[in-house]
Amino acid sequence: MNNIPVKELSKLGVLVFNAPGANANAVKELVVAGLLIAARNLALDAEVRDLKVGLDAIEERARSELGMIKRDEIFFQILDERPTAKPSPP
């Protein structure tokens, strides 16, 4: 399988050695990175297709990012309760 002329290179003083599995960790890391990128690309592709075809994604963005509401719709904003400072006695 190897096509490196080891004997000839050794005669010339070139150090040649076989290190099976030396880059196995790097290969694993690249595979995991590729899987993560592929998953991200699938999610982006689905979002782009939804934006091109459906109005649900556009409506969701308009509501969440721009605060838009439909005609004849009532908007309620619920605030987190914060403890109020009790007035000190006079």
C-alpha atoms as a PDB file:
ATOM      1  CA  MET A   1       0.000   0.000   0.000  1.00  0.00           C
ATOM      2  CA  ASN A   2       2.806   2.432   0.768  1.00  0.00           C
ATOM      3  CA  ASN A   3       4.409   3.859  -2.340  1.00  0.00           C
ATOM      4  CA  ILE A   4       7.297   5.577  -0.564  1.00  0.00           C
ATOM      5  CA  PRO A   5      10.701   4.165  -1.560  1.00  0.00           C
ATOM      6  CA  VAL A   6      11.935   3.643   1.997  1.00  0.00           C
ATOM      7  CA  LYS A   7      15.215   1.889   1.083  1.00  0.00           C
ATOM      8  CA  GLU A   8      16.260   4.515  -1.433  1.00  0.00           C
ATOM      9  CA  LEU A   9      15.364   7.405   0.869  1.00  0.00           C
ATOM     10  CA  SER A  10      17.165   5.763   3.788  1.00  0.00           C
ATOM     11  CA  LYS A  11      20.323   5.527   1.657  1.00  0.00           C
ATOM     12  CA  LEU A  12      20.030   9.267   1.017  1.00  0.00           C
ATOM     13  CA  GLY A  13      19.739   9.931   4.756  1.00  0.00           C
ATOM     14  CA  VAL A  14      16.054  10.853   4.705  1.00  0.00           C
ATOM     15  CA  LEU A  15      14.260   9.731   7.837  1.00  0.00           C
ATOM     16  CA  VAL A  16      11.136   7.767   6.917  1.00  0.00           C
ATOM     17  CA  PHE A  17       8.848   6.037   9.360  1.00  0.00           C
ATOM     18  CA  ASN A  18       5.316   4.758   9.575  1.00  0.00           C
ATOM     19  CA  ALA A  19       3.096   6.189  12.312  1.00  0.00           C
ATOM     20  CA  PRO A  20      -0.305   4.532  11.983  1.00  0.00           C
ATOM     21  CA  GLY A  21      -3.053   6.350  13.839  1.00  0.00           C
ATOM     22  CA  ALA A  22      -0.930   9.411  14.552  1.00  0.00           C
ATOM     23  CA  ASN A  23      -3.571  11.730  13.161  1.00  0.00           C
ATOM     24  CA  ALA A  24      -6.595   9.796  14.443  1.00  0.00           C
ATOM     25  CA  ASN A  25      -7.586  12.501  16.954  1.00  0.00           C
ATOM     26  CA  ALA A  26      -7.446  15.195  14.301  1.00  0.00           C
ATOM     27  CA  VAL A  27      -9.619  13.091  12.010  1.00  0.00           C
ATOM     28  CA  LYS A  28     -12.161  12.566  14.807  1.00  0.00           C
ATOM     29  CA  GLU A  29     -12.274  16.303  15.514  1.00  0.00           C
ATOM     30  CA  LEU A  30     -12.817  17.094  11.840  1.00  0.00           C
ATOM     31  CA  VAL A  31     -15.641  14.553  11.602  1.00  0.00           C
ATOM     32  CA  VAL A  32     -17.406  16.028  14.649  1.00  0.00           C
ATOM     33  CA  ALA A  33     -16.960  19.561  13.295  1.00  0.00           C
ATOM     34  CA  GLY A  34     -18.349  18.444   9.943  1.00  0.00           C
ATOM     35  CA  LEU A  35     -21.399  16.907  11.612  1.00  0.00           C
ATOM     36  CA  LEU A  36     -22.068  20.090  13.589  1.00  0.00           C
ATOM     37  CA  ILE A  37     -21.746  22.243  10.483  1.00  0.00           C
ATOM     38  CA  ALA A  38     -24.036  19.904   8.539  1.00  0.00           C
ATOM     39  CA  ALA A  39     -26.673  20.117  11.286  1.00  0.00           C
ATOM     40  CA  ARG A  40     -26.426  23.916  11.296  1.00  0.00           C
ATOM     41  CA  ASN A  41     -26.727  23.999   7.508  1.00  0.00           C
ATOM     42  CA  LEU A  42     -29.847  21.810   7.608  1.00  0.00           C
ATOM     43  CA  ALA A  43     -31.473  24.148  10.134  1.00  0.00           C
ATOM     44  CA  LEU A  44     -30.576  27.202   8.049  1.00  0.00           C
ATOM     45  CA  ASP A  45     -31.862  25.530   4.892  1.00  0.00           C
ATOM     46  CA  ALA A  46     -35.182  24.730   6.558  1.00  0.00           C
ATOM     47  CA  GLU A  47     -35.501  28.315   7.759  1.00  0.00           C
ATOM     48  CA  VAL A  48     -34.727  29.728   4.304  1.00  0.00           C
ATOM     49  CA  ARG A  49     -37.271  27.409   2.678  1.00  0.00           C
ATOM     50  CA  ASP A  50     -39.873  28.415   5.257  1.00  0.00           C
ATOM     51  CA  LEU A  51     -39.171  32.092   4.585  1.00  0.00           C
ATOM     52  CA  LYS A  52     -39.545  31.548   0.838  1.00  0.00           C
ATOM     53  CA  VAL A  53     -42.744  29.512   1.029  1.00  0.00           C
ATOM     54  CA  GLY A  54     -44.608  30.179   4.250  1.00  0.00           C
ATOM     55  CA  LEU A  55     -45.602  33.298   6.091  1.00  0.00           C
ATOM     56  CA  ASP A  56     -45.371  31.738   9.552  1.00  0.00           C
ATOM     57  CA  ALA A  57     -41.674  32.503   9.968  1.00  0.00           C
ATOM     58  CA  ILE A  58     -42.129  36.074   8.750  1.00  0.00           C
ATOM     59  CA  GLU A  59     -45.020  36.623  11.144  1.00  0.00           C
ATOM     60  CA  GLU A  60     -43.062  35.126  14.030  1.00  0.00           C
ATOM     61  CA  ARG A  61     -40.097  37.415  13.359  1.00  0.00           C
ATOM     62  CA  ALA A  62     -42.323  40.461  12.980  1.00  0.00           C
ATOM     63  CA  ARG A  63     -43.971  39.703  16.305  1.00  0.00           C
ATOM     64  CA  SER A  64     -40.868  38.797  18.306  1.00  0.00           C
ATOM     65  CA  GLU A  65     -38.255  41.147  16.847  1.00  0.00           C
ATOM     66  CA  LEU A  66     -40.341  44.128  15.736  1.00  0.00           C
ATOM     67  CA  GLY A  67     -43.177  43.926  18.269  1.00  0.00           C
ATOM     68  CA  MET A  68     -45.837  44.018  15.565  1.00  0.00           C
ATOM     69  CA  ILE A  69     -49.403  42.898  16.237  1.00  0.00           C
ATOM     70  CA  LYS A  70     -52.350  42.097  13.977  1.00  0.00           C
ATOM     71  CA  ARG A  71     -55.232  44.461  13.380  1.00  0.00           C
ATOM     72  CA  ASP A  72     -57.894  44.197  16.135  1.00  0.00           C
ATOM     73  CA  GLU A  73     -55.448  42.348  18.348  1.00  0.00           C
ATOM     74  CA  ILE A  74     -54.719  43.413  21.912  1.00  0.00           C
ATOM     75  CA  PHE A  75     -51.135  43.385  23.112  1.00  0.00           C
ATOM     76  CA  PHE A  76     -50.341  42.526  26.714  1.00  0.00           C
ATOM     77  CA  GLN A  77     -46.887  42.899  28.191  1.00  0.00           C
ATOM     78  CA  ILE A  78     -46.308  41.010  31.398  1.00  0.00           C
ATOM     79  CA  LEU A  79     -43.476  42.331  33.496  1.00  0.00           C
ATOM     80  CA  ASP A  80     -41.514  40.317  36.000  1.00  0.00           C
ATOM     81  CA  GLU A  81     -42.539  41.068  39.547  1.00  0.00           C
ATOM     82  CA  ARG A  82     -39.878  42.874  41.458  1.00  0.00           C
ATOM     83  CA  PRO A  83     -39.984  43.347  45.179  1.00  0.00           C
ATOM     84  CA  THR A  84     -41.077  46.861  45.985  1.00  0.00           C
ATOM     85  CA  ALA A  85     -39.411  48.768  48.737  1.00  0.00           C
ATOM     86  CA  LYS A  86     -41.718  49.223  51.692  1.00  0.00           C
ATOM     87  CA  PRO A  87     -42.020  52.832  52.743  1.00  0.00           C
ATOM     88  CA  SER A  88     -40.249  53.562  55.964  1.00  0.00           C
ATOM     89  CA  PRO A  89     -42.433  54.664  58.879  1.00  0.00           C
ATOM     90  CA  PRO A  90     -42.475  58.452  59.453  1.00  0.00           C
END
